[in-house]
Amino acid sequence: MKLYIVPTPIGNLEDATFRSIRILKQVDLILAEDTRNSGKLLGHYEISTRMKSFHSFNEHQQLDRVVNELKSGVQMALISDAGMPGVSDPGFLLVRECVQQGVEVECLPGASAVFPALVASGIPMDRFVFEGFLPAKKGRKTRIQELSKEHRTMVFFEAPHRLLKTLNEMAEHFGSERRACVSRELSKMHEQHHRGSLADLLAEFAQREPRGEMVLVVEGSNE
């Protein structure tokens, strides 16, 4: 009995590994965040394995059933829409339950938006902290204030419609000259990296509407 955690391409389908394709073909069932979205990947690589939806809205209800099936000998792979399952995506609850129930968990290395954005930013990467998405409302200001004193490079996921708000709040609490980089559409045809101070990025995105999936990298405090 084994659960495979299989990262999937964040944009470019060619980023799938030989091993991930083999695993997805050999398991009995694929748990997918969105079967319609994952169907494109499976179709591209001629993978005919059966899929079931497993996402943030049903994982609590499905947890016991999935673990019992795994314990009965069903081999499964967990995938998300893009990148590594469990990292700002469903997966943690299932992995934790499998570990507690004695089900083997094997995680494949693979695509993630965090590291390409971090490496391409030109900001020190010897020590960094991944913050995922900032709170949308409750606790947001407090968290940003806390992070203003963080000495490590910080990596965030951000939605396009909140980017200007985030940059403005960071400029206010971190200082407008703090270096940052906004990476968008990573691995896709229109991949771009916007580098500069928080003030520079604010000015740039005030003139162009932020679009696409984004990763924000911000240097740590020197104080």
N, C-alpha and C. Protein backbone atom coordinates (compact mmCIF):
# COMPACT_ATOMS: atom_id res chain seq x y z
N MET A 1 0.85 -1.19 0.00
CA MET A 1 0.00 0.00 0.00
C MET A 1 0.89 1.23 0.00
N LYS A 2 0.63 2.10 -0.96
CA LYS A 2 1.48 3.28 -1.10
C LYS A 2 0.70 4.42 -1.76
N LEU A 3 0.97 5.62 -1.25
CA LEU A 3 0.46 6.83 -1.88
C LEU A 3 1.63 7.57 -2.49
N TYR A 4 1.54 7.86 -3.78
CA TYR A 4 2.57 8.64 -4.46
C TYR A 4 2.13 10.10 -4.54
N ILE A 5 2.99 11.00 -4.14
CA ILE A 5 2.75 12.43 -4.32
C ILE A 5 3.51 12.84 -5.58
N VAL A 6 2.77 13.26 -6.60
CA VAL A 6 3.37 13.50 -7.91
C VAL A 6 3.20 14.97 -8.30
N PRO A 7 4.28 15.74 -8.32
CA PRO A 7 4.19 17.13 -8.79
C PRO A 7 3.92 17.16 -10.29
N THR A 8 3.17 18.14 -10.73
CA THR A 8 2.84 18.27 -12.15
C THR A 8 3.34 19.61 -12.67
N PRO A 9 3.53 19.74 -13.98
CA PRO A 9 4.07 20.98 -14.56
C PRO A 9 3.26 22.20 -14.14
N ILE A 10 3.96 23.31 -13.89
CA ILE A 10 3.28 24.55 -13.51
C ILE A 10 2.82 25.33 -14.73
N GLY A 11 3.18 24.89 -15.91
CA GLY A 11 2.77 25.58 -17.13
C GLY A 11 3.13 24.77 -18.36
N ASN A 12 4.40 24.54 -18.54
CA ASN A 12 4.90 23.83 -19.71
C ASN A 12 4.80 22.32 -19.48
N LEU A 13 3.99 21.63 -20.29
CA LEU A 13 3.77 20.21 -20.10
C LEU A 13 5.04 19.39 -20.27
N GLU A 14 6.05 19.95 -20.93
CA GLU A 14 7.31 19.22 -21.13
C GLU A 14 8.11 19.09 -19.83
N ASP A 15 7.68 19.78 -18.77
CA ASP A 15 8.39 19.70 -17.50
C ASP A 15 8.02 18.46 -16.69
N ALA A 16 7.09 17.66 -17.17
CA ALA A 16 6.79 16.39 -16.49
C ALA A 16 8.00 15.47 -16.60
N THR A 17 8.31 14.75 -15.54
CA THR A 17 9.47 13.85 -15.57
C THR A 17 9.06 12.48 -16.09
N PHE A 18 10.05 11.73 -16.57
CA PHE A 18 9.79 10.36 -17.02
C PHE A 18 9.19 9.53 -15.89
N ARG A 19 9.72 9.72 -14.70
CA ARG A 19 9.25 8.95 -13.55
C ARG A 19 7.81 9.29 -13.19
N SER A 20 7.46 10.58 -13.23
CA SER A 20 6.08 10.95 -12.88
C SER A 20 5.10 10.36 -13.88
N ILE A 21 5.46 10.35 -15.15
CA ILE A 21 4.58 9.76 -16.17
C ILE A 21 4.41 8.26 -15.93
N ARG A 22 5.52 7.58 -15.61
CA ARG A 22 5.46 6.14 -15.34
C ARG A 22 4.56 5.84 -14.14
N ILE A 23 4.72 6.61 -13.07
CA ILE A 23 3.91 6.38 -11.88
C ILE A 23 2.43 6.60 -12.18
N LEU A 24 2.12 7.68 -12.90
CA LEU A 24 0.72 7.97 -13.20
C LEU A 24 0.09 6.91 -14.09
N LYS A 25 0.90 6.23 -14.87
CA LYS A 25 0.39 5.16 -15.72
C LYS A 25 0.20 3.86 -14.94
N GLN A 26 1.01 3.64 -13.90
CA GLN A 26 0.99 2.33 -13.25
C GLN A 26 0.06 2.25 -12.03
N VAL A 27 -0.30 3.39 -11.44
CA VAL A 27 -1.18 3.33 -10.27
C VAL A 27 -2.60 2.95 -10.68
N ASP A 28 -3.39 2.55 -9.67
CA ASP A 28 -4.78 2.17 -9.93
C ASP A 28 -5.70 3.38 -10.02
N LEU A 29 -5.33 4.45 -9.32
CA LEU A 29 -6.22 5.62 -9.25
C LEU A 29 -5.40 6.88 -9.06
N ILE A 30 -5.81 7.96 -9.72
CA ILE A 30 -5.19 9.27 -9.55
C ILE A 30 -6.19 10.18 -8.85
N LEU A 31 -5.76 10.74 -7.72
CA LEU A 31 -6.57 11.75 -7.02
C LEU A 31 -6.15 13.11 -7.56
N ALA A 32 -7.09 13.82 -8.18
CA ALA A 32 -6.77 15.07 -8.86
C ALA A 32 -7.56 16.22 -8.28
N GLU A 33 -6.91 17.38 -8.15
CA GLU A 33 -7.58 18.57 -7.63
C GLU A 33 -8.73 18.98 -8.55
N ASP A 34 -8.50 18.95 -9.84
CA ASP A 34 -9.53 19.26 -10.85
C ASP A 34 -9.33 18.28 -12.00
N THR A 35 -10.24 17.33 -12.13
CA THR A 35 -10.08 16.29 -13.14
C THR A 35 -10.09 16.85 -14.56
N ARG A 36 -10.82 17.94 -14.77
CA ARG A 36 -10.86 18.53 -16.11
C ARG A 36 -9.49 19.12 -16.47
N ASN A 37 -8.90 19.81 -15.52
CA ASN A 37 -7.59 20.40 -15.75
C ASN A 37 -6.53 19.31 -15.91
N SER A 38 -6.55 18.32 -15.02
CA SER A 38 -5.55 17.25 -15.08
C SER A 38 -5.74 16.37 -16.31
N GLY A 39 -6.95 16.35 -16.84
CA GLY A 39 -7.21 15.56 -18.04
C GLY A 39 -6.36 16.01 -19.22
N LYS A 40 -6.01 17.29 -19.26
CA LYS A 40 -5.15 17.79 -20.34
C LYS A 40 -3.76 17.18 -20.26
N LEU A 41 -3.22 17.11 -19.04
CA LEU A 41 -1.90 16.50 -18.85
C LEU A 41 -1.94 15.02 -19.17
N LEU A 42 -2.95 14.32 -18.65
CA LEU A 42 -3.03 12.88 -18.89
C LEU A 42 -3.23 12.59 -20.38
N GLY A 43 -4.04 13.40 -21.04
CA GLY A 43 -4.25 13.20 -22.46
C GLY A 43 -2.99 13.42 -23.27
N HIS A 44 -2.20 14.43 -22.87
CA HIS A 44 -0.96 14.75 -23.57
C HIS A 44 0.01 13.57 -23.53
N TYR A 45 0.04 12.86 -22.42
CA TYR A 45 0.98 11.75 -22.26
C TYR A 45 0.30 10.38 -22.40
N GLU A 46 -0.92 10.37 -22.92
CA GLU A 46 -1.66 9.14 -23.18
C GLU A 46 -1.76 8.27 -21.93
N ILE A 47 -2.13 8.90 -20.84
CA ILE A 47 -2.31 8.20 -19.57
C ILE A 47 -3.81 7.95 -19.39
N SER A 48 -4.19 6.70 -19.26
CA SER A 48 -5.61 6.35 -19.20
C SER A 48 -6.07 5.96 -17.79
N THR A 49 -5.24 6.16 -16.79
CA THR A 49 -5.58 5.81 -15.42
C THR A 49 -6.82 6.56 -14.94
N ARG A 50 -7.65 5.87 -14.21
CA ARG A 50 -8.89 6.47 -13.70
C ARG A 50 -8.57 7.59 -12.72
N MET A 51 -9.37 8.67 -12.75
CA MET A 51 -9.19 9.81 -11.85
C MET A 51 -10.42 10.01 -10.98
N LYS A 52 -10.17 10.55 -9.78
CA LYS A 52 -11.24 11.01 -8.90
C LYS A 52 -10.88 12.38 -8.36
N SER A 53 -11.88 13.20 -8.11
CA SER A 53 -11.63 14.54 -7.56
C SER A 53 -11.23 14.45 -6.09
N PHE A 54 -10.20 15.19 -5.74
CA PHE A 54 -9.76 15.28 -4.35
C PHE A 54 -9.25 16.70 -4.17
N HIS A 55 -10.06 17.56 -3.56
CA HIS A 55 -9.71 18.97 -3.47
C HIS A 55 -10.07 19.52 -2.10
N SER A 56 -9.82 20.81 -1.92
CA SER A 56 -9.98 21.42 -0.59
C SER A 56 -11.42 21.41 -0.10
N PHE A 57 -12.39 21.22 -0.99
CA PHE A 57 -13.79 21.25 -0.59
C PHE A 57 -14.33 19.87 -0.21
N ASN A 58 -13.59 18.80 -0.56
CA ASN A 58 -14.11 17.47 -0.23
C ASN A 58 -13.09 16.57 0.47
N GLU A 59 -11.87 17.07 0.73
CA GLU A 59 -10.84 16.19 1.28
C GLU A 59 -11.19 15.69 2.68
N HIS A 60 -11.86 16.52 3.50
CA HIS A 60 -12.24 16.06 4.84
C HIS A 60 -13.22 14.89 4.75
N GLN A 61 -14.19 15.00 3.84
CA GLN A 61 -15.20 13.95 3.70
C GLN A 61 -14.62 12.67 3.11
N GLN A 62 -13.61 12.79 2.24
CA GLN A 62 -13.09 11.63 1.53
C GLN A 62 -11.91 10.97 2.23
N LEU A 63 -11.39 11.61 3.27
CA LEU A 63 -10.14 11.18 3.88
C LEU A 63 -10.17 9.72 4.32
N ASP A 64 -11.16 9.34 5.12
CA ASP A 64 -11.22 7.97 5.64
C ASP A 64 -11.37 6.95 4.51
N ARG A 65 -12.22 7.27 3.55
CA ARG A 65 -12.45 6.33 2.44
C ARG A 65 -11.16 6.11 1.64
N VAL A 66 -10.46 7.19 1.34
CA VAL A 66 -9.23 7.09 0.56
C VAL A 66 -8.18 6.29 1.30
N VAL A 67 -8.01 6.56 2.59
CA VAL A 67 -7.00 5.84 3.38
C VAL A 67 -7.36 4.36 3.48
N ASN A 68 -8.63 4.04 3.65
CA ASN A 68 -9.05 2.64 3.72
C ASN A 68 -8.79 1.92 2.41
N GLU A 69 -9.01 2.62 1.30
CA GLU A 69 -8.72 2.01 -0.01
C GLU A 69 -7.22 1.76 -0.16
N LEU A 70 -6.42 2.70 0.28
CA LEU A 70 -4.97 2.52 0.23
C LEU A 70 -4.55 1.33 1.08
N LYS A 71 -5.13 1.19 2.26
CA LYS A 71 -4.78 0.09 3.16
C LYS A 71 -5.24 -1.26 2.61
N SER A 72 -6.25 -1.22 1.73
CA SER A 72 -6.72 -2.47 1.12
C SER A 72 -5.85 -2.89 -0.06
N GLY A 73 -4.89 -2.03 -0.45
CA GLY A 73 -3.97 -2.40 -1.52
C GLY A 73 -4.08 -1.59 -2.79
N VAL A 74 -5.01 -0.63 -2.83
CA VAL A 74 -5.15 0.22 -4.01
C VAL A 74 -3.98 1.20 -4.08
N GLN A 75 -3.27 1.22 -5.18
CA GLN A 75 -2.15 2.14 -5.37
C GLN A 75 -2.68 3.46 -5.94
N MET A 76 -2.33 4.57 -5.29
CA MET A 76 -2.85 5.86 -5.71
C MET A 76 -1.74 6.88 -5.90
N ALA A 77 -2.03 7.86 -6.76
CA ALA A 77 -1.16 9.02 -6.92
C ALA A 77 -2.00 10.26 -6.67
N LEU A 78 -1.41 11.21 -5.95
CA LEU A 78 -2.09 12.48 -5.70
C LEU A 78 -1.42 13.57 -6.52
N ILE A 79 -2.22 14.30 -7.29
CA ILE A 79 -1.70 15.43 -8.07
C ILE A 79 -2.57 16.65 -7.80
N SER A 80 -1.99 17.83 -8.01
CA SER A 80 -2.76 19.07 -7.93
C SER A 80 -2.80 19.68 -9.33
N ASP A 81 -3.43 20.83 -9.45
CA ASP A 81 -3.54 21.45 -10.77
C ASP A 81 -2.17 21.80 -11.34
N ALA A 82 -1.25 22.19 -10.47
CA ALA A 82 0.09 22.56 -10.93
C ALA A 82 1.04 22.55 -9.73
N GLY A 83 2.24 22.01 -9.96
CA GLY A 83 3.25 22.04 -8.92
C GLY A 83 3.13 20.90 -7.93
N MET A 84 3.63 21.14 -6.72
CA MET A 84 3.72 20.11 -5.69
C MET A 84 2.46 20.07 -4.83
N PRO A 85 1.75 18.95 -4.80
CA PRO A 85 0.58 18.83 -3.92
C PRO A 85 0.96 19.11 -2.47
N GLY A 86 0.08 19.79 -1.77
CA GLY A 86 0.33 20.08 -0.37
C GLY A 86 0.96 21.44 -0.13
N VAL A 87 1.56 22.03 -1.16
CA VAL A 87 2.18 23.35 -1.03
C VAL A 87 1.18 24.38 -1.57
N SER A 88 0.43 25.00 -0.67
CA SER A 88 -0.68 25.89 -1.04
C SER A 88 -1.70 25.18 -1.91
N ASP A 89 -1.77 23.88 -1.79
CA ASP A 89 -2.72 23.03 -2.51
C ASP A 89 -3.15 21.90 -1.57
N PRO A 90 -4.26 21.22 -1.89
CA PRO A 90 -4.68 20.08 -1.06
C PRO A 90 -3.59 19.01 -1.01
N GLY A 91 -3.55 18.27 0.08
CA GLY A 91 -2.59 17.17 0.18
C GLY A 91 -2.09 16.91 1.59
N PHE A 92 -1.94 17.96 2.37
CA PHE A 92 -1.36 17.79 3.71
C PHE A 92 -2.19 16.85 4.57
N LEU A 93 -3.50 17.03 4.60
CA LEU A 93 -4.34 16.20 5.46
C LEU A 93 -4.23 14.73 5.10
N LEU A 94 -4.19 14.44 3.81
CA LEU A 94 -4.09 13.05 3.36
C LEU A 94 -2.73 12.46 3.73
N VAL A 95 -1.67 13.21 3.50
CA VAL A 95 -0.33 12.72 3.84
C VAL A 95 -0.24 12.46 5.35
N ARG A 96 -0.73 13.38 6.15
CA ARG A 96 -0.67 13.21 7.61
C ARG A 96 -1.44 11.97 8.05
N GLU A 97 -2.63 11.75 7.48
CA GLU A 97 -3.43 10.60 7.86
C GLU A 97 -2.76 9.30 7.42
N CYS A 98 -2.16 9.31 6.25
CA CYS A 98 -1.45 8.12 5.78
C CYS A 98 -0.28 7.78 6.72
N VAL A 99 0.46 8.79 7.11
CA VAL A 99 1.58 8.57 8.03
C VAL A 99 1.08 7.99 9.34
N GLN A 100 -0.02 8.53 9.85
CA GLN A 100 -0.57 8.05 11.12
C GLN A 100 -1.13 6.64 11.01
N GLN A 101 -1.64 6.28 9.82
CA GLN A 101 -2.25 4.97 9.63
C GLN A 101 -1.26 3.92 9.11
N GLY A 102 -0.01 4.31 8.94
CA GLY A 102 1.00 3.35 8.50
C GLY A 102 1.01 3.09 7.01
N VAL A 103 0.40 3.98 6.23
CA VAL A 103 0.43 3.86 4.76
C VAL A 103 1.70 4.55 4.25
N GLU A 104 2.47 3.86 3.41
CA GLU A 104 3.71 4.44 2.90
C GLU A 104 3.41 5.61 1.96
N VAL A 105 4.16 6.68 2.13
CA VAL A 105 4.03 7.86 1.27
C VAL A 105 5.36 8.10 0.57
N GLU A 106 5.31 8.18 -0.75
CA GLU A 106 6.51 8.46 -1.54
C GLU A 106 6.28 9.73 -2.35
N CYS A 107 7.13 10.73 -2.13
CA CYS A 107 6.97 12.01 -2.82
C CYS A 107 8.03 12.16 -3.91
N LEU A 108 7.59 12.35 -5.13
CA LEU A 108 8.52 12.54 -6.24
C LEU A 108 8.99 13.99 -6.28
N PRO A 109 10.25 14.22 -6.63
CA PRO A 109 10.70 15.60 -6.84
C PRO A 109 10.15 16.11 -8.16
N GLY A 110 10.02 17.42 -8.27
CA GLY A 110 9.51 17.93 -9.54
C GLY A 110 9.17 19.40 -9.49
N ALA A 111 8.30 19.77 -10.40
CA ALA A 111 8.00 21.17 -10.67
C ALA A 111 7.46 21.89 -9.44
N SER A 112 7.91 23.13 -9.28
CA SER A 112 7.42 24.04 -8.24
C SER A 112 7.68 25.45 -8.71
N ALA A 113 6.75 26.37 -8.42
CA ALA A 113 6.96 27.76 -8.83
C ALA A 113 7.92 28.48 -7.90
N VAL A 114 8.13 27.95 -6.70
CA VAL A 114 8.95 28.64 -5.70
C VAL A 114 10.39 28.82 -6.17
N PHE A 115 11.02 27.74 -6.57
CA PHE A 115 12.46 27.79 -6.84
C PHE A 115 12.83 28.52 -8.13
N PRO A 116 12.10 28.36 -9.24
CA PRO A 116 12.44 29.17 -10.42
C PRO A 116 12.34 30.67 -10.15
N ALA A 117 11.31 31.09 -9.41
CA ALA A 117 11.15 32.51 -9.09
C ALA A 117 12.27 32.99 -8.18
N LEU A 118 12.61 32.19 -7.20
CA LEU A 118 13.67 32.56 -6.25
C LEU A 118 15.01 32.68 -6.95
N VAL A 119 15.36 31.69 -7.75
CA VAL A 119 16.67 31.69 -8.41
C VAL A 119 16.78 32.82 -9.42
N ALA A 120 15.70 33.08 -10.17
CA ALA A 120 15.72 34.10 -11.22
C ALA A 120 15.61 35.52 -10.67
N SER A 121 15.29 35.67 -9.40
CA SER A 121 15.04 37.00 -8.84
C SER A 121 16.31 37.84 -8.71
N GLY A 122 17.46 37.19 -8.54
CA GLY A 122 18.69 37.93 -8.30
C GLY A 122 18.81 38.39 -6.85
N ILE A 123 17.92 37.92 -6.01
CA ILE A 123 17.93 38.24 -4.58
C ILE A 123 18.54 37.06 -3.84
N PRO A 124 19.34 37.30 -2.78
CA PRO A 124 20.02 36.20 -2.09
C PRO A 124 19.11 35.03 -1.77
N MET A 125 19.59 33.82 -2.07
CA MET A 125 18.76 32.63 -1.89
C MET A 125 19.38 31.61 -0.95
N ASP A 126 20.47 32.02 -0.25
CA ASP A 126 21.11 31.06 0.65
C ASP A 126 20.22 30.72 1.84
N ARG A 127 19.38 31.67 2.25
CA ARG A 127 18.40 31.45 3.31
C ARG A 127 17.10 32.14 2.91
N PHE A 128 16.00 31.39 2.92
CA PHE A 128 14.73 32.01 2.53
C PHE A 128 13.59 31.36 3.30
N VAL A 129 12.45 32.05 3.31
CA VAL A 129 11.26 31.53 3.95
C VAL A 129 10.10 31.60 2.97
N PHE A 130 9.32 30.52 2.88
CA PHE A 130 8.17 30.49 1.99
C PHE A 130 6.92 30.81 2.79
N GLU A 131 6.21 31.87 2.38
CA GLU A 131 5.03 32.33 3.12
C GLU A 131 3.72 31.97 2.44
N GLY A 132 3.76 31.39 1.24
CA GLY A 132 2.52 31.07 0.54
C GLY A 132 1.71 32.33 0.28
N PHE A 133 0.40 32.24 0.44
CA PHE A 133 -0.48 33.40 0.27
C PHE A 133 -0.62 34.13 1.60
N LEU A 134 -0.49 35.43 1.58
CA LEU A 134 -0.77 36.23 2.77
C LEU A 134 -2.26 36.14 3.10
N PRO A 135 -2.63 36.31 4.37
CA PRO A 135 -4.06 36.34 4.70
C PRO A 135 -4.78 37.40 3.87
N ALA A 136 -5.95 37.08 3.37
CA ALA A 136 -6.68 38.03 2.53
C ALA A 136 -7.21 39.20 3.35
N LYS A 137 -7.65 38.91 4.59
CA LYS A 137 -8.22 39.98 5.42
C LYS A 137 -7.70 39.88 6.86
N LYS A 138 -8.31 39.00 7.64
CA LYS A 138 -7.98 38.89 9.06
C LYS A 138 -6.52 38.51 9.27
N GLY A 139 -5.82 39.32 10.03
CA GLY A 139 -4.43 39.03 10.35
C GLY A 139 -3.43 39.47 9.30
N ARG A 140 -3.90 40.06 8.22
CA ARG A 140 -3.01 40.43 7.12
C ARG A 140 -2.01 41.51 7.54
N LYS A 141 -2.51 42.60 8.12
CA LYS A 141 -1.63 43.71 8.50
C LYS A 141 -0.62 43.26 9.55
N THR A 142 -1.07 42.48 10.50
CA THR A 142 -0.17 41.99 11.55
C THR A 142 0.93 41.14 10.97
N ARG A 143 0.58 40.27 10.02
CA ARG A 143 1.59 39.40 9.42
C ARG A 143 2.61 40.20 8.63
N ILE A 144 2.17 41.18 7.88
CA ILE A 144 3.09 42.01 7.11
C ILE A 144 4.02 42.78 8.04
N GLN A 145 3.49 43.29 9.14
CA GLN A 145 4.32 43.99 10.11
C GLN A 145 5.37 43.06 10.71
N GLU A 146 4.99 41.83 10.99
CA GLU A 146 5.93 40.84 11.53
C GLU A 146 7.04 40.54 10.53
N LEU A 147 6.66 40.43 9.27
CA LEU A 147 7.62 40.07 8.22
C LEU A 147 8.57 41.22 7.89
N SER A 148 8.23 42.43 8.28
CA SER A 148 9.11 43.57 8.01
C SER A 148 10.46 43.40 8.71
N LYS A 149 10.51 42.56 9.73
CA LYS A 149 11.75 42.34 10.48
C LYS A 149 12.45 41.04 10.07
N GLU A 150 11.87 40.32 9.11
CA GLU A 150 12.44 39.04 8.65
C GLU A 150 13.74 39.29 7.88
N HIS A 151 14.83 38.61 8.27
CA HIS A 151 16.12 38.82 7.63
C HIS A 151 16.32 37.92 6.40
N ARG A 152 15.56 36.84 6.33
CA ARG A 152 15.70 35.94 5.18
C ARG A 152 14.89 36.45 3.98
N THR A 153 15.29 36.05 2.80
CA THR A 153 14.49 36.35 1.61
C THR A 153 13.13 35.69 1.76
N MET A 154 12.08 36.39 1.33
CA MET A 154 10.71 35.89 1.48
C MET A 154 10.09 35.59 0.11
N VAL A 155 9.37 34.49 0.04
CA VAL A 155 8.71 34.07 -1.20
C VAL A 155 7.21 33.96 -0.93
N PHE A 156 6.42 34.61 -1.78
CA PHE A 156 4.96 34.62 -1.63
C PHE A 156 4.30 34.18 -2.94
N PHE A 157 3.14 33.55 -2.82
CA PHE A 157 2.25 33.40 -3.96
C PHE A 157 1.28 34.57 -3.89
N GLU A 158 0.89 35.11 -5.04
CA GLU A 158 -0.06 36.22 -5.03
C GLU A 158 -0.97 36.18 -6.24
N ALA A 159 -2.22 36.57 -6.01
CA ALA A 159 -3.21 36.66 -7.08
C ALA A 159 -3.07 38.01 -7.78
N PRO A 160 -3.29 38.07 -9.08
CA PRO A 160 -3.13 39.33 -9.82
C PRO A 160 -3.95 40.48 -9.25
N HIS A 161 -5.18 40.21 -8.83
CA HIS A 161 -6.05 41.29 -8.36
C HIS A 161 -5.62 41.85 -7.00
N ARG A 162 -4.71 41.15 -6.31
CA ARG A 162 -4.24 41.65 -5.01
C ARG A 162 -2.80 42.16 -5.06
N LEU A 163 -2.15 42.06 -6.21
CA LEU A 163 -0.73 42.38 -6.28
C LEU A 163 -0.44 43.82 -5.89
N LEU A 164 -1.16 44.77 -6.45
CA LEU A 164 -0.89 46.18 -6.14
C LEU A 164 -1.10 46.47 -4.65
N LYS A 165 -2.14 45.90 -4.08
CA LYS A 165 -2.39 46.08 -2.66
C LYS A 165 -1.23 45.54 -1.83
N THR A 166 -0.74 44.36 -2.20
CA THR A 166 0.37 43.75 -1.47
C THR A 166 1.64 44.57 -1.60
N LEU A 167 1.96 45.00 -2.81
CA LEU A 167 3.16 45.81 -3.02
C LEU A 167 3.08 47.12 -2.24
N ASN A 168 1.91 47.72 -2.22
CA ASN A 168 1.72 48.99 -1.51
C ASN A 168 1.90 48.79 0.00
N GLU A 169 1.32 47.72 0.54
CA GLU A 169 1.43 47.45 1.98
C GLU A 169 2.88 47.12 2.36
N MET A 170 3.56 46.39 1.49
CA MET A 170 4.95 46.05 1.78
C MET A 170 5.84 47.29 1.70
N ALA A 171 5.57 48.16 0.74
CA ALA A 171 6.35 49.39 0.64
C ALA A 171 6.16 50.24 1.89
N GLU A 172 4.95 50.23 2.42
CA GLU A 172 4.66 51.00 3.62
C GLU A 172 5.39 50.45 4.85
N HIS A 173 5.40 49.13 5.01
CA HIS A 173 5.96 48.53 6.22
C HIS A 173 7.41 48.05 6.07
N PHE A 174 7.82 47.70 4.84
CA PHE A 174 9.20 47.23 4.62
C PHE A 174 10.13 48.37 4.22
N GLY A 175 9.54 49.42 3.63
CA GLY A 175 10.33 50.48 3.03
C GLY A 175 10.27 50.36 1.52
N SER A 176 10.04 51.46 0.83
CA SER A 176 9.81 51.42 -0.61
C SER A 176 11.04 51.02 -1.42
N GLU A 177 12.24 51.08 -0.81
CA GLU A 177 13.46 50.73 -1.54
C GLU A 177 13.84 49.26 -1.39
N ARG A 178 13.06 48.50 -0.64
CA ARG A 178 13.35 47.07 -0.49
C ARG A 178 13.27 46.38 -1.85
N ARG A 179 14.28 45.59 -2.19
CA ARG A 179 14.31 44.93 -3.50
C ARG A 179 13.31 43.78 -3.56
N ALA A 180 12.73 43.60 -4.74
CA ALA A 180 11.74 42.55 -4.93
C ALA A 180 11.71 42.13 -6.39
N CYS A 181 11.04 41.02 -6.64
CA CYS A 181 10.88 40.53 -8.01
C CYS A 181 9.51 39.87 -8.12
N VAL A 182 8.78 40.23 -9.16
CA VAL A 182 7.50 39.59 -9.47
C VAL A 182 7.72 38.70 -10.69
N SER A 183 7.54 37.39 -10.50
CA SER A 183 7.66 36.44 -11.61
C SER A 183 6.27 35.97 -12.00
N ARG A 184 5.98 36.03 -13.28
CA ARG A 184 4.65 35.64 -13.74
C ARG A 184 4.73 34.65 -14.89
N GLU A 185 3.72 33.78 -14.97
CA GLU A 185 3.60 32.81 -16.05
C GLU A 185 4.86 31.94 -16.17
N LEU A 186 5.39 31.50 -15.06
CA LEU A 186 6.62 30.71 -15.06
C LEU A 186 6.48 29.45 -15.92
N SER A 187 7.48 29.22 -16.72
CA SER A 187 7.62 28.08 -17.65
C SER A 187 6.71 28.19 -18.87
N LYS A 188 5.89 29.23 -18.94
CA LYS A 188 4.99 29.40 -20.08
C LYS A 188 5.60 30.32 -21.12
N MET A 189 4.92 30.47 -22.24
CA MET A 189 5.44 31.24 -23.37
C MET A 189 5.72 32.69 -22.98
N HIS A 190 4.88 33.26 -22.13
CA HIS A 190 5.01 34.67 -21.78
C HIS A 190 5.62 34.87 -20.39
N GLU A 191 6.51 33.99 -19.99
CA GLU A 191 7.17 34.13 -18.70
C GLU A 191 7.91 35.47 -18.62
N GLN A 192 7.74 36.15 -17.48
CA GLN A 192 8.41 37.44 -17.27
C GLN A 192 8.85 37.56 -15.82
N HIS A 193 9.95 38.31 -15.62
CA HIS A 193 10.45 38.62 -14.29
C HIS A 193 10.60 40.13 -14.18
N HIS A 194 9.87 40.73 -13.27
CA HIS A 194 9.91 42.18 -13.07
C HIS A 194 10.71 42.45 -11.80
N ARG A 195 11.88 43.05 -11.95
CA ARG A 195 12.79 43.25 -10.82
C ARG A 195 12.95 44.73 -10.52
N GLY A 196 13.19 45.04 -9.25
CA GLY A 196 13.43 46.43 -8.85
C GLY A 196 13.05 46.63 -7.40
N SER A 197 12.96 47.87 -6.98
CA SER A 197 12.50 48.16 -5.62
C SER A 197 10.98 47.99 -5.58
N LEU A 198 10.44 47.94 -4.38
CA LEU A 198 8.98 47.88 -4.25
C LEU A 198 8.34 49.10 -4.90
N ALA A 199 9.01 50.25 -4.80
CA ALA A 199 8.50 51.46 -5.44
C ALA A 199 8.49 51.30 -6.96
N ASP A 200 9.56 50.71 -7.51
CA ASP A 200 9.63 50.48 -8.96
C ASP A 200 8.50 49.57 -9.43
N LEU A 201 8.26 48.51 -8.67
CA LEU A 201 7.23 47.55 -9.07
C LEU A 201 5.84 48.15 -8.94
N LEU A 202 5.65 48.96 -7.93
CA LEU A 202 4.37 49.65 -7.80
C LEU A 202 4.10 50.55 -8.99
N ALA A 203 5.10 51.30 -9.40
CA ALA A 203 4.95 52.20 -10.54
C ALA A 203 4.69 51.41 -11.82
N GLU A 204 5.39 50.29 -11.97
CA GLU A 204 5.22 49.48 -13.19
C GLU A 204 3.84 48.88 -13.29
N PHE A 205 3.36 48.27 -12.20
CA PHE A 205 2.08 47.58 -12.27
C PHE A 205 0.90 48.53 -12.11
N ALA A 206 1.16 49.77 -11.74
CA ALA A 206 0.09 50.78 -11.77
C ALA A 206 -0.25 51.14 -13.21
N GLN A 207 0.71 50.92 -14.11
CA GLN A 207 0.52 51.26 -15.53
C GLN A 207 0.11 50.06 -16.37
N ARG A 208 0.34 48.87 -15.86
CA ARG A 208 -0.06 47.66 -16.59
C ARG A 208 -0.84 46.76 -15.65
N GLU A 209 -1.94 46.23 -16.14
CA GLU A 209 -2.78 45.38 -15.30
C GLU A 209 -2.07 44.06 -15.02
N PRO A 210 -1.89 43.71 -13.74
CA PRO A 210 -1.25 42.43 -13.42
C PRO A 210 -2.09 41.27 -13.94
N ARG A 211 -1.43 40.34 -14.62
CA ARG A 211 -2.14 39.18 -15.17
C ARG A 211 -1.30 37.93 -14.96
N GLY A 212 -1.99 36.80 -14.89
CA GLY A 212 -1.29 35.52 -14.79
C GLY A 212 -0.96 35.15 -13.35
N GLU A 213 -0.53 33.92 -13.17
CA GLU A 213 -0.16 33.45 -11.85
C GLU A 213 1.20 34.03 -11.48
N MET A 214 1.34 34.46 -10.23
CA MET A 214 2.51 35.24 -9.84
C MET A 214 3.18 34.70 -8.58
N VAL A 215 4.50 34.88 -8.56
CA VAL A 215 5.30 34.61 -7.37
C VAL A 215 6.06 35.90 -7.05
N LEU A 216 5.98 36.32 -5.81
CA LEU A 216 6.65 37.55 -5.37
C LEU A 216 7.80 37.18 -4.44
N VAL A 217 8.99 37.64 -4.79
CA VAL A 217 10.19 37.40 -3.98
C VAL A 217 10.66 38.75 -3.43
N VAL A 218 10.86 38.83 -2.12
CA VAL A 218 11.23 40.10 -1.48
C VAL A 218 12.47 39.88 -0.60
N GLU A 219 13.45 40.75 -0.72
CA GLU A 219 14.65 40.58 0.09
C GLU A 219 14.34 40.82 1.58
N GLY A 220 15.15 40.22 2.42
CA GLY A 220 14.96 40.37 3.85
C GLY A 220 15.48 41.70 4.36
N SER A 221 15.18 41.97 5.62
CA SER A 221 15.60 43.21 6.25
C SER A 221 17.09 43.20 6.54
N ASN A 222 17.73 44.34 6.36
CA ASN A 222 19.16 44.48 6.70
C ASN A 222 19.37 45.05 8.09
N GLU A 223 18.29 45.36 8.76
CA GLU A 223 18.38 45.99 10.08
C GLU A 223 18.43 44.94 11.19
